[in-house]
């Protein structure tokens, strides 16, 4: 992870985590390479934004947002998928994410099939992305140890 920043906003610390990706990270349907994933929070959601090396079409950086509970479940399923190297789904009432294991990396399909965002991540950066998601969840809603 490249950097972590925090600032106060309405008596709450807003966290920003920058995750460097490799040259095999792409997002569709916009068809763009992503060089960095920025994970941030506000008072109700965790946001996933992309940094593009080129953006002549002025594609918005926001890839998707999750509630805190959905982000916790997504982080758990994401780590489980990477460890077991098998396709899984992170499903709740408000979240639909398919995490597919591919020969050269991972494919995350966010949303419904008809209007999905497809995020392709290489194997070299996958653990950094997992750590970024879990770090953001821990910052917002830490779970006490037993």
Protein backbone atom coordinates (compact mmCIF):
# COMPACT_ATOMS: atom_id res chain seq x y z
CA UNK A 1 0.00 0.00 0.00
CA UNK A 2 1.34 3.33 -0.99
CA UNK A 3 -0.22 5.61 1.55
CA UNK A 4 -2.81 6.09 4.22
CA UNK A 5 -4.32 9.44 5.05
CA UNK A 6 -6.81 10.54 7.65
CA UNK A 7 -8.67 13.77 8.34
CA UNK A 8 -11.46 14.89 10.64
CA UNK A 9 -14.92 15.35 9.17
CA UNK A 10 -17.89 16.06 11.46
CA UNK A 11 -16.12 14.55 14.48
CA UNK A 12 -15.27 11.39 12.56
CA UNK A 13 -11.91 10.44 11.12
CA UNK A 14 -12.16 9.87 7.38
CA UNK A 15 -9.63 7.33 6.18
CA UNK A 16 -8.13 7.14 2.69
CA UNK A 17 -6.08 4.10 1.68
CA UNK A 18 -4.13 4.12 -1.59
CA UNK A 19 -3.46 0.64 -3.00
CA UNK A 20 -0.95 0.42 -5.85
CA UNK A 21 -2.03 -2.05 -8.52
CA UNK A 22 0.04 -3.74 -11.20
CA UNK A 23 -0.15 -3.35 -14.98
CA UNK A 24 -2.84 -6.06 -15.17
CA UNK A 25 -5.65 -4.12 -13.45
CA UNK A 26 -8.55 -3.09 -15.68
CA UNK A 27 -12.15 -1.96 -15.29
CA UNK A 28 -15.01 -2.51 -17.73
CA UNK A 29 -17.36 -1.37 -19.27
CA UNK A 30 -15.18 1.76 -19.50
CA UNK A 31 -12.21 -0.28 -20.74
CA UNK A 32 -9.52 1.49 -18.73
CA UNK A 33 -6.39 0.43 -16.95
CA UNK A 34 -6.27 1.26 -13.23
CA UNK A 35 -2.98 2.17 -11.59
CA UNK A 36 -4.27 2.73 -8.07
CA UNK A 37 -7.34 1.85 -6.04
CA UNK A 38 -8.38 4.46 -3.47
CA UNK A 39 -10.47 3.10 -0.60
CA UNK A 40 -12.11 5.78 1.54
CA UNK A 41 -15.00 6.16 3.93
CA UNK A 42 -17.60 8.71 4.85
CA UNK A 43 -20.19 8.51 7.60
CA UNK A 44 -22.15 5.66 6.03
CA UNK A 45 -20.18 3.89 3.26
CA UNK A 46 -16.78 2.67 2.13
CA UNK A 47 -16.00 3.88 -1.37
CA UNK A 48 -13.76 2.31 -4.00
CA UNK A 49 -12.34 4.78 -6.52
CA UNK A 50 -9.96 4.25 -9.43
CA UNK A 51 -6.97 6.28 -10.56
CA UNK A 52 -6.59 5.99 -14.33
CA UNK A 53 -3.34 6.63 -16.26
CA UNK A 54 -5.48 8.02 -19.10
CA UNK A 55 -9.04 9.33 -19.05
CA UNK A 56 -9.92 11.28 -22.17
CA UNK A 57 -13.56 10.18 -21.82
CA UNK A 58 -13.76 11.75 -18.32
CA UNK A 59 -14.94 8.52 -16.70
CA UNK A 60 -15.88 9.11 -13.04
CA UNK A 61 -13.44 7.53 -10.58
CA UNK A 62 -16.09 5.92 -8.33
CA UNK A 63 -16.24 2.17 -9.03
CA UNK A 64 -18.64 1.19 -6.25
CA UNK A 65 -19.61 1.85 -2.62
CA UNK A 66 -20.54 -0.53 0.17
CA UNK A 67 -22.15 -0.14 3.56
CA UNK A 68 -19.91 -1.01 6.50
CA UNK A 69 -21.56 -4.39 7.06
CA UNK A 70 -21.40 -5.22 3.36
CA UNK A 71 -17.72 -4.18 3.24
CA UNK A 72 -16.93 -6.48 6.18
CA UNK A 73 -18.64 -9.42 4.45
CA UNK A 74 -16.94 -8.57 1.14
CA UNK A 75 -13.53 -8.49 2.83
CA UNK A 76 -14.12 -11.86 4.43
CA UNK A 77 -15.29 -13.47 1.19
CA UNK A 78 -12.46 -11.83 -0.75
CA UNK A 79 -9.75 -13.25 1.52
CA UNK A 80 -11.47 -16.65 1.52
CA UNK A 81 -11.53 -16.63 -2.29
CA UNK A 82 -7.83 -15.79 -2.57
CA UNK A 83 -6.75 -18.36 0.03
CA UNK A 84 -8.86 -21.17 -1.42
CA UNK A 85 -8.39 -20.17 -5.08
CA UNK A 86 -12.02 -20.81 -5.88
CA UNK A 87 -14.86 -18.65 -7.13
CA UNK A 88 -17.21 -17.23 -4.50
CA UNK A 89 -20.04 -14.75 -4.19
CA UNK A 90 -20.46 -11.99 -1.64
CA UNK A 91 -24.22 -11.55 -1.43
CA UNK A 92 -26.43 -9.54 0.90
CA UNK A 93 -29.68 -7.63 0.43
CA UNK A 94 -27.76 -4.61 -0.90
CA UNK A 95 -24.57 -6.16 -2.37
CA UNK A 96 -23.88 -8.54 -5.24
CA UNK A 97 -20.24 -9.28 -5.97
CA UNK A 98 -18.92 -12.36 -7.75
CA UNK A 99 -15.21 -13.02 -7.15
CA UNK A 100 -13.84 -15.30 -9.86
CA UNK A 101 -10.42 -16.94 -9.85
CA UNK A 102 -8.75 -16.82 -13.28
CA UNK A 103 -5.47 -18.15 -14.64
CA UNK A 104 -3.80 -14.72 -14.52
CA UNK A 105 -5.60 -13.05 -11.64
CA UNK A 106 -9.06 -12.29 -10.31
CA UNK A 107 -12.29 -10.96 -11.79
CA UNK A 108 -14.73 -9.08 -9.59
CA UNK A 109 -18.20 -8.58 -11.06
CA UNK A 110 -19.96 -5.91 -9.01
CA UNK A 111 -23.72 -5.53 -9.40
CA UNK A 112 -26.25 -7.33 -11.55
CA UNK A 113 -25.29 -9.04 -14.80
CA UNK A 114 -27.14 -6.46 -16.90
CA UNK A 115 -25.44 -3.43 -15.32
CA UNK A 116 -22.24 -4.71 -13.77
CA UNK A 117 -18.83 -3.22 -13.23
CA UNK A 118 -16.09 -5.72 -14.03
CA UNK A 119 -12.78 -5.27 -12.23
CA UNK A 120 -9.79 -7.41 -13.25
CA UNK A 121 -6.88 -7.62 -10.82
CA UNK A 122 -3.53 -9.36 -11.33
CA UNK A 123 -2.10 -11.84 -8.86
CA UNK A 124 0.76 -9.49 -7.93
CA UNK A 125 -1.55 -6.94 -6.27
CA UNK A 126 -4.36 -9.09 -4.91
CA UNK A 127 -3.10 -9.28 -1.31
CA UNK A 128 -2.62 -5.51 -1.18
CA UNK A 129 -6.26 -5.05 -2.23
CA UNK A 130 -7.44 -7.56 0.42
CA UNK A 131 -5.42 -5.73 3.09
CA UNK A 132 -6.79 -2.36 1.98
CA UNK A 133 -10.40 -3.54 2.24
CA UNK A 134 -9.88 -5.08 5.67
CA UNK A 135 -7.96 -2.06 6.91
CA UNK A 136 -10.79 0.27 5.87
CA UNK A 137 -13.38 -1.94 7.59
CA UNK A 138 -11.28 -2.17 10.75
CA UNK A 139 -10.88 1.61 10.88
CA UNK A 140 -14.60 2.27 10.55
CA UNK A 141 -16.03 -0.50 12.72
CA UNK A 142 -13.35 -2.35 14.67
CA UNK A 143 -14.29 -5.68 16.18
CA UNK A 144 -12.98 -6.26 19.67
CA UNK A 145 -10.84 -9.29 20.33
CA UNK A 146 -12.29 -11.93 22.62
